[in-house]
Structure formats: C-alpha cells, structure tokens
Protein backbone atom coordinates (compact mmCIF):
# COMPACT_ATOMS: atom_id res chain seq x y z
CA UNK A 1 -61.63 24.61 9.62
CA UNK A 2 -62.76 22.25 12.35
CA UNK A 3 -61.64 19.19 10.31
CA UNK A 4 -58.24 20.78 9.70
CA UNK A 5 -57.78 21.19 13.46
CA UNK A 6 -58.49 17.48 14.04
CA UNK A 7 -56.14 16.49 11.23
CA UNK A 8 -53.34 18.52 12.83
CA UNK A 9 -54.08 17.12 16.30
CA UNK A 10 -54.17 13.56 14.91
CA UNK A 11 -50.92 14.05 13.01
CA UNK A 12 -49.16 15.41 16.10
CA UNK A 13 -50.50 12.50 18.19
CA UNK A 14 -49.29 9.92 15.65
CA UNK A 15 -45.92 11.63 15.46
CA UNK A 16 -45.54 11.68 19.25
CA UNK A 17 -46.51 8.02 19.59
CA UNK A 18 -44.52 6.57 16.69
CA UNK A 19 -41.49 8.86 16.26
CA UNK A 20 -38.29 7.33 17.68
CA UNK A 21 -37.39 10.07 20.13
CA UNK A 22 -36.30 8.19 23.27
CA UNK A 23 -32.66 7.12 23.52
CA UNK A 24 -32.12 3.69 25.09
CA UNK A 25 -28.69 2.38 26.03
CA UNK A 26 -28.15 -1.21 24.89
CA UNK A 27 -24.52 -1.56 25.99
CA UNK A 28 -22.36 0.95 27.88
CA UNK A 29 -18.90 1.82 26.60
CA UNK A 30 -16.87 -1.39 26.84
CA UNK A 31 -13.07 -1.51 27.06
CA UNK A 32 -11.45 -4.92 27.07
CA UNK A 33 -7.79 -5.92 27.17
CA UNK A 34 -6.75 -8.93 25.11
CA UNK A 35 -3.96 -11.03 26.60
CA UNK A 36 -2.49 -14.42 25.78
CA UNK A 37 -2.26 -17.28 28.27
CA UNK A 38 1.08 -15.88 29.54
CA UNK A 39 -0.45 -12.45 30.26
CA UNK A 40 1.14 -10.68 27.28
CA UNK A 41 -0.94 -8.07 25.44
CA UNK A 42 -2.17 -9.03 21.98
CA UNK A 43 -1.86 -6.08 19.62
CA UNK A 44 -3.73 -5.63 16.32
CA UNK A 45 -6.21 -8.40 17.03
CA UNK A 46 -9.58 -8.00 15.32
CA UNK A 47 -12.57 -8.36 17.62
CA UNK A 48 -16.28 -8.22 16.75
CA UNK A 49 -19.02 -6.84 18.93
CA UNK A 50 -22.67 -7.72 18.37
CA UNK A 51 -25.46 -5.99 20.23
CA UNK A 52 -29.23 -5.93 20.24
CA UNK A 53 -32.07 -5.04 22.57
CA UNK A 54 -34.47 -7.92 22.08
CA UNK A 55 -37.27 -6.03 23.85
CA UNK A 56 -37.26 -3.03 21.54
CA UNK A 57 -35.95 -4.70 18.38
CA UNK A 58 -38.10 -7.83 18.54
CA UNK A 59 -39.43 -7.43 15.01
CA UNK A 60 -35.94 -7.99 13.55
CA UNK A 61 -35.61 -11.58 14.74
CA UNK A 62 -32.22 -12.49 13.25
CA UNK A 63 -30.75 -9.05 12.64
CA UNK A 64 -28.28 -7.55 15.07
CA UNK A 65 -25.86 -4.66 14.97
CA UNK A 66 -22.16 -5.36 14.72
CA UNK A 67 -18.78 -3.67 14.43
CA UNK A 68 -15.21 -4.97 14.16
CA UNK A 69 -12.36 -3.08 15.82
CA UNK A 70 -8.67 -3.85 16.37
CA UNK A 71 -6.74 -3.86 19.62
CA UNK A 72 -4.04 -1.24 20.16
CA UNK A 73 -0.41 -1.92 21.10
CA UNK A 74 -1.45 -2.63 24.71
CA UNK A 75 -4.12 -5.10 23.57
CA UNK A 76 -6.98 -2.75 24.42
CA UNK A 77 -10.16 -2.43 22.38
CA UNK A 78 -12.76 0.17 23.35
CA UNK A 79 -16.24 -0.19 21.91
CA UNK A 80 -18.39 2.94 22.23
CA UNK A 81 -21.70 2.95 24.07
CA UNK A 82 -24.43 1.44 21.91
CA UNK A 83 -27.70 3.35 21.90
CA UNK A 84 -30.89 2.99 19.92
CA UNK A 85 -33.86 5.29 19.55
CA UNK A 86 -37.38 4.08 20.25
CA UNK A 87 -40.87 5.52 20.07
CA UNK A 88 -43.43 5.70 22.86
CA UNK A 89 -45.28 2.87 21.13
CA UNK A 90 -42.14 0.67 21.10
CA UNK A 91 -41.50 1.50 24.75
CA UNK A 92 -44.99 0.42 25.87
CA UNK A 93 -45.05 -2.63 23.56
CA UNK A 94 -41.64 -3.73 24.87
CA UNK A 95 -42.75 -3.54 28.50
CA UNK A 96 -45.87 -5.61 27.76
CA UNK A 97 -43.85 -8.08 25.67
CA UNK A 98 -41.21 -8.50 28.41
CA UNK A 99 -43.90 -9.53 30.91
CA UNK A 100 -45.41 -12.05 28.49
CA UNK A 101 -42.08 -13.39 27.18
CA UNK A 102 -40.53 -13.71 30.64
CA UNK A 103 -42.87 -16.65 31.24
CA UNK A 104 -40.85 -18.65 28.68
CA UNK A 105 -37.37 -19.43 30.11
CA UNK A 106 -35.98 -19.96 26.58
CA UNK A 107 -36.98 -16.59 25.16
CA UNK A 108 -34.73 -13.58 24.63
CA UNK A 109 -35.59 -10.13 25.88
CA UNK A 110 -33.71 -7.07 27.01
CA UNK A 111 -30.29 -5.83 25.92
CA UNK A 112 -27.46 -8.20 25.07
CA UNK A 113 -23.95 -7.90 23.62
CA UNK A 114 -21.29 -10.39 22.65
CA UNK A 115 -17.63 -9.95 21.67
CA UNK A 116 -15.67 -12.52 19.69
CA UNK A 117 -12.12 -12.65 18.31
CA UNK A 118 -11.67 -12.97 14.55
CA UNK A 119 -9.20 -14.96 12.52
CA UNK A 120 -7.15 -17.66 14.22
CA UNK A 121 -7.60 -16.19 17.70
CA UNK A 122 -10.15 -17.67 20.08
CA UNK A 123 -11.88 -15.49 22.66
CA UNK A 124 -15.41 -14.51 23.52
CA UNK A 125 -17.44 -12.85 26.23
CA UNK A 126 -20.92 -11.45 26.65
CA UNK A 127 -22.81 -8.78 28.55
CA UNK A 128 -26.29 -8.45 30.00
CA UNK A 129 -27.48 -5.60 32.25
CA UNK A 130 -26.78 -6.24 35.89
CA UNK A 131 -23.55 -8.06 35.02
CA UNK A 132 -20.15 -6.44 35.15
CA UNK A 133 -18.51 -5.80 31.81
CA UNK A 134 -15.50 -8.12 31.39
CA UNK A 135 -12.32 -6.04 31.17
CA UNK A 136 -9.81 -8.77 30.29
CA UNK A 137 -10.12 -11.55 27.74
CA UNK A 138 -7.63 -14.40 27.61
CA UNK A 139 -7.03 -15.23 23.97
CA UNK A 140 -6.10 -18.71 22.79
CA UNK A 141 -4.17 -19.13 19.58
C-alpha cells in the first residue's frame, strides 16, 4: 500500500510539472487595414500571419504557426489572439533559456509574429511585445 501511495504522488507530480496547463499569449488580437498608395482600401486581399514564441517553442526550430485570412470590403483583416499552452517545466526552462540566449545578439527568443500579403500584392509587418501593433499596411501592387 505504501508503494501505491508513492506511485500516485509521483504520477501527480509528473502531471503537474509536464502537463501544458498555463495559457501564454503569443500575439494579441491584431486588426490591420490594407490600403493602396492612394489610401484606398484593398478588399479580398489574402494575408498570412505567422507566429511563434521562441522561448517556449524552442524545440521546434523551423516550425511556426500560420493562418491565411482575407480582407473585408473595407480592407480590414482581424487575426484572433494567438495563445499556446505550456507546462511548468516549459515555463522554467524558457526563463533559464532566455537568460542564456540573451547573451547572443543574433538569437531569437520570446514571442514574434509577422504578416505578409499573398499573391501579387506586396506588404509586410511584424510584432514583438513592447511594440505597438501596426494598424495600417500600405500595399504595393
């Protein structure tokens, strides 16, 4: 009976440490208006958003999350908030990794997102925490 108690305690501990229970926001909701160089709205333009938190998702070096949406009649595209779930282990490992990686000025850590027009349209913008989300993108054809 004593061994069973330790097995249960160990299982609960492992579950608490490694289960992805904490929600982390990578990018807040992002609305952007697409306009041409004359200030006219660009409707039905396809725009991609990529996002990744390099601190928590460091094991997936090249992989990122992405979604393509189209602008409405007023040229507006609204990407929802992007959240991931992390475990207590990931949280602690990310904090330690950020301190170590921050020594290298060429390394990536923390949340990041990028938007890019598709097709023959040219536009792009990016987001990092502490920066304001761009709300207007001038599109070149």
